[in-house]
Amino acid sequence: MTAMIALTGLTKQFGQIHAVADVSFTVAKGEVLGFLGPNGAGKSTTMKMLAGFLTPSAGKASVCGFDVVDQPIAAKQRLGYLPEGAPAYPDMTARAFLNFIAAVRGITGSERTRRIGWAIERTQLTAVLDQPIDTLSKGFKRRVGLAQAVLHDPPVLILDEPTDGLDPNQKHEVRGLIQDIAAEKAIIISTHILEEVEAVCSRAIIIARGRVLADATPDALVAQDPDHGAVSLTVAADVADQAIEALATLPGVAHAHINRQGPRSKIVVRAEGDRPIADTVRQFASAAPWQAADFATEYGRLDQVFRHITRDVA
């Protein structure tokens, strides 16, 4: 697949601080890349360099083959960008702002009407079109920012926290929009909402201290959780320690631990390698005097993997 977004050795230094250090990756048409990292990891700085708002200290970035420093106009023509905070002209109404953006983008006549109408419909802005942007809620301001980013139907989208401030229904609509247009675009989404990555992203990159630490599909990252594929069950809290000790002795079991405390404790039993232990655990626990219940196979958690990867990064 041809890369529509390409970063090579991208670096940004502010004095002695390396906000971004030698970041390299590509994004092809049809990919939705989740860009993850702790606060201060370098996500927004990377996206600002890719969008042409910051000049790299070293390295290169391109959009559809156009270098963002050497060919900034051509790169920005092919880019839709929702920055952090969704900045806009506060005295403009949402309608006037979208018309202004269309004019800046060179969209005129019936095409302007069509594109603005489409963006308004997909971001559900009809109710606030004639209100000054400064009077809008955080969620509506975010939706105005998203509307201007997709207005010109760009082949590349960079979205920094696109669902920040939205209610669950609005988040669902934005995710639906991203899924609908993803096949024809290359999209980068920076988000702290890990469920969003699993819902809409085909790939995820985790960075910390300005460096890429992981680059894989969400499923491949989730599989790195030590509890992925483990067997879980619940027992009464007063027999949990006894159950763990007994379960740990079963063939093929590497480890057993309490995952959740309460009147009934949830116990997670990990296998040695890929050995199948579900039937063994179920039969053993069912025959034991613990009143074991709620048998299940665990699916890894992206938040657990994220914490493990970014923990103690020097």
C-alpha atoms as a PDB file:
ATOM      1  CA  MET A   1       0.000   0.000   0.000  1.00  0.00           C
ATOM      2  CA  THR A   2       1.210   3.513  -0.865  1.00  0.00           C
ATOM      3  CA  ALA A   3       1.869   5.702   2.153  1.00  0.00           C
ATOM      4  CA  MET A   4      -0.328   8.798   2.284  1.00  0.00           C
ATOM      5  CA  ILE A   5       1.329   9.939   5.514  1.00  0.00           C
ATOM      6  CA  ALA A   6       5.059   9.442   6.039  1.00  0.00           C
ATOM      7  CA  LEU A   7       7.263  10.494   8.955  1.00  0.00           C
ATOM      8  CA  THR A   8      10.993   9.829   8.852  1.00  0.00           C
ATOM      9  CA  GLY A   9      13.189  10.598  11.860  1.00  0.00           C
ATOM     10  CA  LEU A  10      10.842  13.396  12.899  1.00  0.00           C
ATOM     11  CA  THR A  11      12.284  15.323  15.842  1.00  0.00           C
ATOM     12  CA  LYS A  12      11.293  18.462  17.733  1.00  0.00           C
ATOM     13  CA  GLN A  13      13.466  20.038  20.386  1.00  0.00           C
ATOM     14  CA  PHE A  14      12.517  22.959  22.629  1.00  0.00           C
ATOM     15  CA  GLY A  15      15.779  24.037  24.213  1.00  0.00           C
ATOM     16  CA  GLN A  16      17.093  20.991  26.034  1.00  0.00           C
ATOM     17  CA  ILE A  17      13.751  19.202  25.874  1.00  0.00           C
ATOM     18  CA  HIS A  18      13.225  16.595  23.144  1.00  0.00           C
ATOM     19  CA  ALA A  19       9.435  16.690  22.764  1.00  0.00           C
ATOM     20  CA  VAL A  20       9.624  14.302  19.798  1.00  0.00           C
ATOM     21  CA  ALA A  21      12.683  12.131  19.184  1.00  0.00           C
ATOM     22  CA  ASP A  22      13.294  10.327  15.889  1.00  0.00           C
ATOM     23  CA  VAL A  23       9.703   9.263  15.188  1.00  0.00           C
ATOM     24  CA  SER A  24       9.168   7.284  11.983  1.00  0.00           C
ATOM     25  CA  PHE A  25       6.013   5.625  10.638  1.00  0.00           C
ATOM     26  CA  THR A  26       3.705   5.594   7.629  1.00  0.00           C
ATOM     27  CA  VAL A  27      -0.067   5.464   7.216  1.00  0.00           C
ATOM     28  CA  ALA A  28      -1.637   4.060   4.051  1.00  0.00           C
ATOM     29  CA  LYS A  29      -5.005   4.698   2.440  1.00  0.00           C
ATOM     30  CA  GLY A  30      -7.707   2.850   4.361  1.00  0.00           C
ATOM     31  CA  GLU A  31      -5.798   2.854   7.669  1.00  0.00           C
ATOM     32  CA  VAL A  32      -7.094   4.524  10.830  1.00  0.00           C
ATOM     33  CA  LEU A  33      -4.147   4.940  13.178  1.00  0.00           C
ATOM     34  CA  GLY A  34      -4.747   5.447  16.895  1.00  0.00           C
ATOM     35  CA  PHE A  35      -1.958   7.651  18.270  1.00  0.00           C
ATOM     36  CA  LEU A  36      -1.639   6.958  21.993  1.00  0.00           C
ATOM     37  CA  GLY A  37       0.565   8.112  24.820  1.00  0.00           C
ATOM     38  CA  PRO A  38       0.551   9.687  28.291  1.00  0.00           C
ATOM     39  CA  ASN A  39       0.186  13.441  28.701  1.00  0.00           C
ATOM     40  CA  GLY A  40       3.360  15.093  27.470  1.00  0.00           C
ATOM     41  CA  ALA A  41       4.335  12.099  25.326  1.00  0.00           C
ATOM     42  CA  GLY A  42       4.698  14.195  22.160  1.00  0.00           C
ATOM     43  CA  LYS A  43       1.437  13.297  20.392  1.00  0.00           C
ATOM     44  CA  SER A  44       0.156  16.822  19.742  1.00  0.00           C
ATOM     45  CA  THR A  45       3.636  18.076  18.841  1.00  0.00           C
ATOM     46  CA  THR A  46       3.999  15.297  16.270  1.00  0.00           C
ATOM     47  CA  MET A  47       0.596  16.091  14.786  1.00  0.00           C
ATOM     48  CA  LYS A  48       1.334  19.821  14.655  1.00  0.00           C
ATOM     49  CA  MET A  49       4.529  19.136  12.711  1.00  0.00           C
ATOM     50  CA  LEU A  50       2.672  16.864  10.316  1.00  0.00           C
ATOM     51  CA  ALA A  51       0.014  19.563   9.842  1.00  0.00           C
ATOM     52  CA  GLY A  52       2.648  22.228   9.185  1.00  0.00           C
ATOM     53  CA  PHE A  53       1.993  24.256  12.332  1.00  0.00           C
ATOM     54  CA  LEU A  54       5.434  23.491  13.794  1.00  0.00           C
ATOM     55  CA  THR A  55       8.718  23.163  11.933  1.00  0.00           C
ATOM     56  CA  PRO A  56      10.668  19.981  12.768  1.00  0.00           C
ATOM     57  CA  SER A  57      14.100  20.304  14.337  1.00  0.00           C
ATOM     58  CA  ALA A  58      15.122  17.303  12.235  1.00  0.00           C
ATOM     59  CA  GLY A  59      13.577  14.657  10.016  1.00  0.00           C
ATOM     60  CA  LYS A  60      10.829  14.868   7.425  1.00  0.00           C
ATOM     61  CA  ALA A  61       7.060  14.532   7.149  1.00  0.00           C
ATOM     62  CA  SER A  62       4.919  14.319   4.028  1.00  0.00           C
ATOM     63  CA  VAL A  63       1.223  14.252   3.115  1.00  0.00           C
ATOM     64  CA  CYS A  64       0.357  12.432  -0.116  1.00  0.00           C
ATOM     65  CA  GLY A  65       3.995  12.708  -1.132  1.00  0.00           C
ATOM     66  CA  PHE A  66       4.270  16.452  -0.495  1.00  0.00           C
ATOM     67  CA  ASP A  67       6.848  17.553   2.084  1.00  0.00           C
ATOM     68  CA  VAL A  68       5.129  19.626   4.775  1.00  0.00           C
ATOM     69  CA  VAL A  69       8.086  22.045   4.983  1.00  0.00           C
ATOM     70  CA  ASP A  70       9.183  22.298   1.344  1.00  0.00           C
ATOM     71  CA  GLN A  71       5.688  22.026  -0.210  1.00  0.00           C
ATOM     72  CA  PRO A  72       3.384  23.328   2.522  1.00  0.00           C
ATOM     73  CA  ILE A  73       0.479  24.526   0.341  1.00  0.00           C
ATOM     74  CA  ALA A  74       0.186  21.262  -1.587  1.00  0.00           C
ATOM     75  CA  ALA A  75       0.388  19.262   1.655  1.00  0.00           C
ATOM     76  CA  LYS A  76      -2.253  21.340   3.430  1.00  0.00           C
ATOM     77  CA  GLN A  77      -4.625  21.189   0.460  1.00  0.00           C
ATOM     78  CA  ARG A  78      -4.801  17.428   0.994  1.00  0.00           C
ATOM     79  CA  LEU A  79      -5.102  17.580   4.754  1.00  0.00           C
ATOM     80  CA  GLY A  80      -7.978  18.004   7.197  1.00  0.00           C
ATOM     81  CA  TYR A  81      -6.811  18.917  10.701  1.00  0.00           C
ATOM     82  CA  LEU A  82      -8.705  19.074  13.976  1.00  0.00           C
ATOM     83  CA  PRO A  83      -6.238  20.534  16.486  1.00  0.00           C
ATOM     84  CA  GLU A  84      -6.340  20.315  20.233  1.00  0.00           C
ATOM     85  CA  GLY A  85      -8.930  22.717  21.647  1.00  0.00           C
ATOM     86  CA  ALA A  86     -10.763  23.167  18.296  1.00  0.00           C
ATOM     87  CA  PRO A  87      -9.776  26.840  17.877  1.00  0.00           C
ATOM     88  CA  ALA A  88     -12.138  29.012  15.825  1.00  0.00           C
ATOM     89  CA  TYR A  89     -13.169  32.670  15.508  1.00  0.00           C
ATOM     90  CA  PRO A  90     -15.405  33.074  18.591  1.00  0.00           C
ATOM     91  CA  ASP A  91     -17.543  35.949  17.225  1.00  0.00           C
ATOM     92  CA  MET A  92     -18.493  34.037  14.063  1.00  0.00           C
ATOM     93  CA  THR A  93     -21.549  31.848  13.948  1.00  0.00           C
ATOM     94  CA  ALA A  94     -20.981  28.196  13.113  1.00  0.00           C
ATOM     95  CA  ARG A  95     -22.539  28.788   9.671  1.00  0.00           C
ATOM     96  CA  ALA A  96     -20.331  31.802   8.937  1.00  0.00           C
ATOM     97  CA  PHE A  97     -17.225  29.955  10.092  1.00  0.00           C
ATOM     98  CA  LEU A  98     -17.880  26.986   7.789  1.00  0.00           C
ATOM     99  CA  ASN A  99     -18.504  29.370   4.879  1.00  0.00           C
ATOM    100  CA  PHE A 100     -15.237  31.115   5.706  1.00  0.00           C
ATOM    101  CA  ILE A 101     -13.352  27.807   5.744  1.00  0.00           C
ATOM    102  CA  ALA A 102     -14.932  26.830   2.414  1.00  0.00           C
ATOM    103  CA  ALA A 103     -13.805  30.146   0.899  1.00  0.00           C
ATOM    104  CA  VAL A 104     -10.266  29.655   2.211  1.00  0.00           C
ATOM    105  CA  ARG A 105     -10.277  26.170   0.683  1.00  0.00           C
ATOM    106  CA  GLY A 106     -11.439  27.585  -2.665  1.00  0.00           C
ATOM    107  CA  ILE A 107     -14.790  25.795  -2.608  1.00  0.00           C
ATOM    108  CA  THR A 108     -17.449  27.830  -4.439  1.00  0.00           C
ATOM    109  CA  GLY A 109     -20.987  27.731  -5.799  1.00  0.00           C
ATOM    110  CA  SER A 110     -23.125  24.617  -5.543  1.00  0.00           C
ATOM    111  CA  GLU A 111     -20.141  22.552  -4.396  1.00  0.00           C
ATOM    112  CA  ARG A 112     -19.761  24.834  -1.375  1.00  0.00           C
ATOM    113  CA  THR A 113     -23.439  24.421  -0.498  1.00  0.00           C
ATOM    114  CA  ARG A 114     -23.206  20.658  -0.901  1.00  0.00           C
ATOM    115  CA  ARG A 115     -20.026  20.241   1.124  1.00  0.00           C
ATOM    116  CA  ILE A 116     -21.166  22.507   3.984  1.00  0.00           C
ATOM    117  CA  GLY A 117     -24.554  20.755   4.105  1.00  0.00           C
ATOM    118  CA  TRP A 118     -22.866  17.348   4.263  1.00  0.00           C
ATOM    119  CA  ALA A 119     -20.492  18.444   7.054  1.00  0.00           C
ATOM    120  CA  ILE A 120     -23.350  19.983   9.060  1.00  0.00           C
ATOM    121  CA  GLU A 121     -25.453  16.851   8.757  1.00  0.00           C
ATOM    122  CA  ARG A 122     -22.667  14.445   9.708  1.00  0.00           C
ATOM    123  CA  THR A 123     -21.591  16.496  12.742  1.00  0.00           C
ATOM    124  CA  GLN A 124     -25.186  17.351  13.820  1.00  0.00           C
ATOM    125  CA  LEU A 125     -24.746  21.130  13.920  1.00  0.00           C
ATOM    126  CA  THR A 126     -28.148  22.222  12.582  1.00  0.00           C
ATOM    127  CA  ALA A 127     -29.464  23.395  15.972  1.00  0.00           C
ATOM    128  CA  VAL A 128     -26.572  25.824  16.584  1.00  0.00           C
ATOM    129  CA  LEU A 129     -25.688  27.070  13.098  1.00  0.00           C
ATOM    130  CA  ASP A 130     -26.599  30.691  13.797  1.00  0.00           C
ATOM    131  CA  GLN A 131     -25.138  30.946  17.296  1.00  0.00           C
ATOM    132  CA  PRO A 132     -21.755  32.615  17.890  1.00  0.00           C
ATOM    133  CA  ILE A 133     -19.131  29.926  18.406  1.00  0.00           C
ATOM    134  CA  ASP A 134     -18.110  31.526  21.707  1.00  0.00           C
ATOM    135  CA  THR A 135     -21.556  30.714  23.143  1.00  0.00           C
ATOM    136  CA  LEU A 136     -21.425  27.018  22.241  1.00  0.00           C
ATOM    137  CA  SER A 137     -20.725  24.173  24.634  1.00  0.00           C
ATOM    138  CA  LYS A 138     -17.383  22.394  24.496  1.00  0.00           C
ATOM    139  CA  GLY A 139     -18.998  19.503  22.635  1.00  0.00           C
ATOM    140  CA  PHE A 140     -20.536  21.726  19.954  1.00  0.00           C
ATOM    141  CA  LYS A 141     -17.280  23.633  19.525  1.00  0.00           C
ATOM    142  CA  ARG A 142     -15.577  20.293  18.963  1.00  0.00           C
ATOM    143  CA  ARG A 143     -18.144  19.379  16.337  1.00  0.00           C
ATOM    144  CA  VAL A 144     -17.637  22.697  14.518  1.00  0.00           C
ATOM    145  CA  GLY A 145     -13.906  21.914  14.484  1.00  0.00           C
ATOM    146  CA  LEU A 146     -14.562  18.451  13.095  1.00  0.00           C
ATOM    147  CA  ALA A 147     -16.899  19.861  10.431  1.00  0.00           C
ATOM    148  CA  GLN A 148     -14.211  22.234   9.138  1.00  0.00           C
ATOM    149  CA  ALA A 149     -11.675  19.386   9.074  1.00  0.00           C
ATOM    150  CA  VAL A 150     -13.787  17.174   6.781  1.00  0.00           C
ATOM    151  CA  LEU A 151     -15.436  19.989   4.790  1.00  0.00           C
ATOM    152  CA  HIS A 152     -13.168  19.750   1.716  1.00  0.00           C
ATOM    153  CA  ASP A 153     -13.159  15.925   1.679  1.00  0.00           C
ATOM    154  CA  PRO A 154      -9.380  15.612   2.190  1.00  0.00           C
ATOM    155  CA  PRO A 155      -7.553  12.313   1.581  1.00  0.00           C
ATOM    156  CA  VAL A 156      -5.714  12.704   4.907  1.00  0.00           C
ATOM    157  CA  LEU A 157      -7.240  13.517   8.305  1.00  0.00           C
ATOM    158  CA  ILE A 158      -5.413  14.340  11.535  1.00  0.00           C
ATOM    159  CA  LEU A 159      -7.804  14.426  14.474  1.00  0.00           C
ATOM    160  CA  ASP A 160      -6.566  15.408  17.927  1.00  0.00           C
ATOM    161  CA  GLU A 161      -9.079  14.131  20.518  1.00  0.00           C
ATOM    162  CA  PRO A 162     -12.052  14.238  18.069  1.00  0.00           C
ATOM    163  CA  THR A 163     -14.653  13.143  20.646  1.00  0.00           C
ATOM    164  CA  ASP A 164     -13.410  15.255  23.552  1.00  0.00           C
ATOM    165  CA  GLY A 165     -16.407  16.814  25.312  1.00  0.00           C
ATOM    166  CA  LEU A 166     -19.020  14.817  23.410  1.00  0.00           C
ATOM    167  CA  ASP A 167     -21.775  12.798  25.070  1.00  0.00           C
ATOM    168  CA  PRO A 168     -22.044   9.040  24.367  1.00  0.00           C
ATOM    169  CA  ASN A 169     -24.521   9.515  21.500  1.00  0.00           C
ATOM    170  CA  GLN A 170     -22.356  12.160  19.863  1.00  0.00           C
ATOM    171  CA  LYS A 171     -19.267   9.981  20.244  1.00  0.00           C
ATOM    172  CA  HIS A 172     -21.125   7.184  18.494  1.00  0.00           C
ATOM    173  CA  GLU A 173     -22.002   9.512  15.591  1.00  0.00           C
ATOM    174  CA  VAL A 174     -18.412  10.739  15.194  1.00  0.00           C
ATOM    175  CA  ARG A 175     -17.072   7.189  15.255  1.00  0.00           C
ATOM    176  CA  GLY A 176     -19.640   6.264  12.622  1.00  0.00           C
ATOM    177  CA  LEU A 177     -18.462   9.157  10.453  1.00  0.00           C
ATOM    178  CA  ILE A 178     -14.854   8.031  10.759  1.00  0.00           C
ATOM    179  CA  GLN A 179     -15.764   4.457   9.872  1.00  0.00           C
ATOM    180  CA  ASP A 180     -17.826   5.610   6.867  1.00  0.00           C
ATOM    181  CA  ILE A 181     -15.018   7.638   5.292  1.00  0.00           C
ATOM    182  CA  ALA A 182     -12.028   5.554   6.400  1.00  0.00           C
ATOM    183  CA  ALA A 183     -11.750   3.338   3.299  1.00  0.00           C
ATOM    184  CA  GLU A 184     -10.801   6.287   1.080  1.00  0.00           C
ATOM    185  CA  LYS A 185      -8.556   8.142   3.516  1.00  0.00           C
ATOM    186  CA  ALA A 186      -5.531   7.873   5.778  1.00  0.00           C
ATOM    187  CA  ILE A 187      -6.538   8.964   9.285  1.00  0.00           C
ATOM    188  CA  ILE A 188      -4.596   9.608  12.489  1.00  0.00           C
ATOM    189  CA  ILE A 189      -6.589   9.905  15.715  1.00  0.00           C
ATOM    190  CA  SER A 190      -4.977  11.008  18.951  1.00  0.00           C
ATOM    191  CA  THR A 191      -7.140   9.957  21.877  1.00  0.00           C
ATOM    192  CA  HIS A 192      -7.105   9.077  25.571  1.00  0.00           C
ATOM    193  CA  ILE A 193     -10.243   6.969  25.117  1.00  0.00           C
ATOM    194  CA  LEU A 194      -8.847   3.496  24.608  1.00  0.00           C
ATOM    195  CA  GLU A 195     -12.232   1.989  23.740  1.00  0.00           C
ATOM    196  CA  GLU A 196     -12.243   4.378  20.789  1.00  0.00           C
ATOM    197  CA  VAL A 197      -9.075   2.766  19.465  1.00  0.00           C
ATOM    198  CA  GLU A 198     -10.636  -0.692  19.598  1.00  0.00           C
ATOM    199  CA  ALA A 199     -13.843   0.648  18.020  1.00  0.00           C
ATOM    200  CA  VAL A 200     -12.476   2.495  14.968  1.00  0.00           C
ATOM    201  CA  CYS A 201      -8.711   2.018  14.573  1.00  0.00           C
ATOM    202  CA  SER A 202      -7.047  -0.594  12.392  1.00  0.00           C
ATOM    203  CA  ARG A 203      -3.667   0.103  13.985  1.00  0.00           C
ATOM    204  CA  ALA A 204      -2.232   1.812  17.050  1.00  0.00           C
ATOM    205  CA  ILE A 205       1.047   3.466  17.944  1.00  0.00           C
ATOM    206  CA  ILE A 206       2.034   4.120  21.557  1.00  0.00           C
ATOM    207  CA  ILE A 207       4.621   6.790  22.293  1.00  0.00           C
ATOM    208  CA  ALA A 208       6.154   8.105  25.507  1.00  0.00           C
ATOM    209  CA  ARG A 209       8.850  10.719  26.042  1.00  0.00           C
ATOM    210  CA  GLY A 210       8.667  11.457  22.327  1.00  0.00           C
ATOM    211  CA  ARG A 211       9.594   7.935  21.191  1.00  0.00           C
ATOM    212  CA  VAL A 212       7.575   5.177  19.539  1.00  0.00           C
ATOM    213  CA  LEU A 213       7.299   2.202  21.903  1.00  0.00           C
ATOM    214  CA  ALA A 214       4.735   0.030  20.089  1.00  0.00           C
ATOM    215  CA  ASP A 215       3.165  -0.198  16.640  1.00  0.00           C
ATOM    216  CA  ALA A 216       0.597  -2.949  16.051  1.00  0.00           C
ATOM    217  CA  THR A 217      -3.064  -3.690  15.500  1.00  0.00           C
ATOM    218  CA  PRO A 218      -5.328  -3.200  18.538  1.00  0.00           C
ATOM    219  CA  ASP A 219      -5.863  -6.968  18.693  1.00  0.00           C
ATOM    220  CA  ALA A 220      -2.111  -7.621  18.697  1.00  0.00           C
ATOM    221  CA  LEU A 221      -1.613  -5.090  21.489  1.00  0.00           C
ATOM    222  CA  VAL A 222      -4.467  -6.549  23.555  1.00  0.00           C
ATOM    223  CA  ALA A 223      -2.892  -9.992  23.168  1.00  0.00           C
ATOM    224  CA  GLN A 224       0.140  -8.668  25.090  1.00  0.00           C
ATOM    225  CA  ASP A 225      -1.963  -8.473  28.263  1.00  0.00           C
ATOM    226  CA  PRO A 226      -0.791 -11.384  30.461  1.00  0.00           C
ATOM    227  CA  ASP A 227      -4.441 -12.160  31.245  1.00  0.00           C
ATOM    228  CA  HIS A 228      -5.419 -12.440  27.567  1.00  0.00           C
ATOM    229  CA  GLY A 229      -6.743 -15.955  26.987  1.00  0.00           C
ATOM    230  CA  ALA A 230      -6.687 -16.804  30.700  1.00  0.00           C
ATOM    231  CA  VAL A 231      -9.604 -18.556  32.400  1.00  0.00           C
ATOM    232  CA  SER A 232     -11.636 -16.714  35.037  1.00  0.00           C
ATOM    233  CA  LEU A 233     -14.173 -17.827  37.640  1.00  0.00           C
ATOM    234  CA  THR A 234     -15.724 -16.511  40.818  1.00  0.00           C
ATOM    235  CA  VAL A 235     -15.731 -18.036  44.291  1.00  0.00           C
ATOM    236  CA  ALA A 236     -16.777 -16.862  47.735  1.00  0.00           C
ATOM    237  CA  ALA A 237     -14.228 -14.439  49.140  1.00  0.00           C
ATOM    238  CA  ASP A 238     -13.491 -16.586  52.203  1.00  0.00           C
ATOM    239  CA  VAL A 239     -12.243 -19.491  50.053  1.00  0.00           C
ATOM    240  CA  ALA A 240     -10.429 -17.452  47.395  1.00  0.00           C
ATOM    241  CA  ASP A 241      -6.921 -18.041  48.789  1.00  0.00           C
ATOM    242  CA  GLN A 242      -7.607 -21.771  49.079  1.00  0.00           C
ATOM    243  CA  ALA A 243      -8.900 -21.870  45.495  1.00  0.00           C
ATOM    244  CA  ILE A 244      -5.851 -20.025  44.134  1.00  0.00           C
ATOM    245  CA  GLU A 245      -3.465 -22.382  45.883  1.00  0.00           C
ATOM    246  CA  ALA A 246      -5.250 -25.430  44.485  1.00  0.00           C
ATOM    247  CA  LEU A 247      -5.680 -24.073  40.946  1.00  0.00           C
ATOM    248  CA  ALA A 248      -1.984 -23.165  40.712  1.00  0.00           C
ATOM    249  CA  THR A 249      -1.096 -26.857  41.028  1.00  0.00           C
ATOM    250  CA  LEU A 250      -3.047 -27.945  37.934  1.00  0.00           C
ATOM    251  CA  PRO A 251      -1.044 -29.102  34.895  1.00  0.00           C
ATOM    252  CA  GLY A 252      -0.594 -26.339  32.337  1.00  0.00           C
ATOM    253  CA  VAL A 253      -1.339 -23.552  34.846  1.00  0.00           C
ATOM    254  CA  ALA A 254       1.370 -20.915  35.209  1.00  0.00           C
ATOM    255  CA  HIS A 255      -0.262 -18.613  37.725  1.00  0.00           C
ATOM    256  CA  ALA A 256      -3.549 -17.800  39.475  1.00  0.00           C
ATOM    257  CA  HIS A 257      -4.474 -14.508  41.119  1.00  0.00           C
ATOM    258  CA  ILE A 258      -7.431 -12.501  42.405  1.00  0.00           C
ATOM    259  CA  ASN A 259      -8.530  -9.924  39.851  1.00  0.00           C
ATOM    260  CA  ARG A 260     -11.424  -8.429  41.821  1.00  0.00           C
ATOM    261  CA  GLN A 261     -12.283  -8.424  45.509  1.00  0.00           C
ATOM    262  CA  GLY A 262     -15.809  -8.490  46.914  1.00  0.00           C
ATOM    263  CA  PRO A 263     -18.306 -10.911  48.447  1.00  0.00           C
ATOM    264  CA  ARG A 264     -17.335 -13.126  45.527  1.00  0.00           C
ATOM    265  CA  SER A 265     -13.758 -12.859  44.322  1.00  0.00           C
ATOM    266  CA  LYS A 266     -12.880 -13.121  40.668  1.00  0.00           C
ATOM    267  CA  ILE A 267      -9.910 -15.438  40.103  1.00  0.00           C
ATOM    268  CA  VAL A 268      -7.893 -15.394  36.878  1.00  0.00           C
ATOM    269  CA  VAL A 269      -5.898 -18.486  35.948  1.00  0.00           C
ATOM    270  CA  ARG A 270      -3.110 -18.074  33.394  1.00  0.00           C
ATOM    271  CA  ALA A 271      -1.826 -20.910  31.219  1.00  0.00           C
ATOM    272  CA  GLU A 272       1.752 -21.887  30.498  1.00  0.00           C
ATOM    273  CA  GLY A 273       2.314 -20.627  26.974  1.00  0.00           C
ATOM    274  CA  ASP A 274      -0.590 -21.583  24.718  1.00  0.00           C
ATOM    275  CA  ARG A 275      -1.619 -24.710  26.616  1.00  0.00           C
ATOM    276  CA  PRO A 276      -5.415 -25.211  26.710  1.00  0.00           C
ATOM    277  CA  ILE A 277      -6.531 -25.194  30.337  1.00  0.00           C
ATOM    278  CA  ALA A 278     -10.192 -24.121  30.184  1.00  0.00           C
ATOM    279  CA  ASP A 279     -11.678 -27.614  30.469  1.00  0.00           C
ATOM    280  CA  THR A 280      -9.207 -28.657  33.170  1.00  0.00           C
ATOM    281  CA  VAL A 281      -9.932 -25.569  35.285  1.00  0.00           C
ATOM    282  CA  ARG A 282     -13.697 -25.860  34.869  1.00  0.00           C
ATOM    283  CA  GLN A 283     -13.835 -29.561  35.751  1.00  0.00           C
ATOM    284  CA  PHE A 284     -11.550 -29.168  38.749  1.00  0.00           C
ATOM    285  CA  ALA A 285     -13.256 -26.058  40.130  1.00  0.00           C
ATOM    286  CA  SER A 286     -16.753 -27.438  39.560  1.00  0.00           C
ATOM    287  CA  ALA A 287     -15.910 -30.525  41.614  1.00  0.00           C
ATOM    288  CA  ALA A 288     -14.330 -28.506  44.429  1.00  0.00           C
ATOM    289  CA  PRO A 289     -16.423 -27.294  47.400  1.00  0.00           C
ATOM    290  CA  TRP A 290     -16.070 -23.589  46.459  1.00  0.00           C
ATOM    291  CA  GLN A 291     -19.353 -22.996  44.594  1.00  0.00           C
ATOM    292  CA  ALA A 292     -17.338 -21.782  41.612  1.00  0.00           C
ATOM    293  CA  ALA A 293     -19.318 -19.926  38.935  1.00  0.00           C
ATOM    294  CA  ASP A 294     -19.073 -17.432  36.071  1.00  0.00           C
ATOM    295  CA  PHE A 295     -16.471 -19.377  34.093  1.00  0.00           C
ATOM    296  CA  ALA A 296     -15.133 -17.348  31.153  1.00  0.00           C
ATOM    297  CA  THR A 297     -12.141 -16.844  28.891  1.00  0.00           C
ATOM    298  CA  GLU A 298     -10.546 -13.462  29.466  1.00  0.00           C
ATOM    299  CA  TYR A 299      -9.967 -10.929  26.696  1.00  0.00           C
ATOM    300  CA  GLY A 300      -6.959  -8.691  27.245  1.00  0.00           C
ATOM    301  CA  ARG A 301      -7.383  -5.035  28.145  1.00  0.00           C
ATOM    302  CA  LEU A 302      -5.725  -2.284  26.156  1.00  0.00           C
ATOM    303  CA  ASP A 303      -5.436  -0.053  29.220  1.00  0.00           C
ATOM    304  CA  GLN A 304      -3.391  -2.727  30.992  1.00  0.00           C
ATOM    305  CA  VAL A 305      -1.051  -3.048  28.009  1.00  0.00           C
ATOM    306  CA  PHE A 306      -0.795   0.745  27.704  1.00  0.00           C
ATOM    307  CA  ARG A 307       0.240   1.089  31.360  1.00  0.00           C
ATOM    308  CA  HIS A 308       2.777  -1.719  31.035  1.00  0.00           C
ATOM    309  CA  ILE A 309       4.380  -0.264  27.890  1.00  0.00           C
ATOM    310  CA  THR A 310       4.571   3.330  29.122  1.00  0.00           C
ATOM    311  CA  ARG A 311       5.514   2.566  32.728  1.00  0.00           C
ATOM    312  CA  ASP A 312       8.962   3.691  33.859  1.00  0.00           C
ATOM    313  CA  VAL A 313       9.999   5.041  30.440  1.00  0.00           C
ATOM    314  CA  ALA A 314      13.269   6.903  30.928  1.00  0.00           C
END
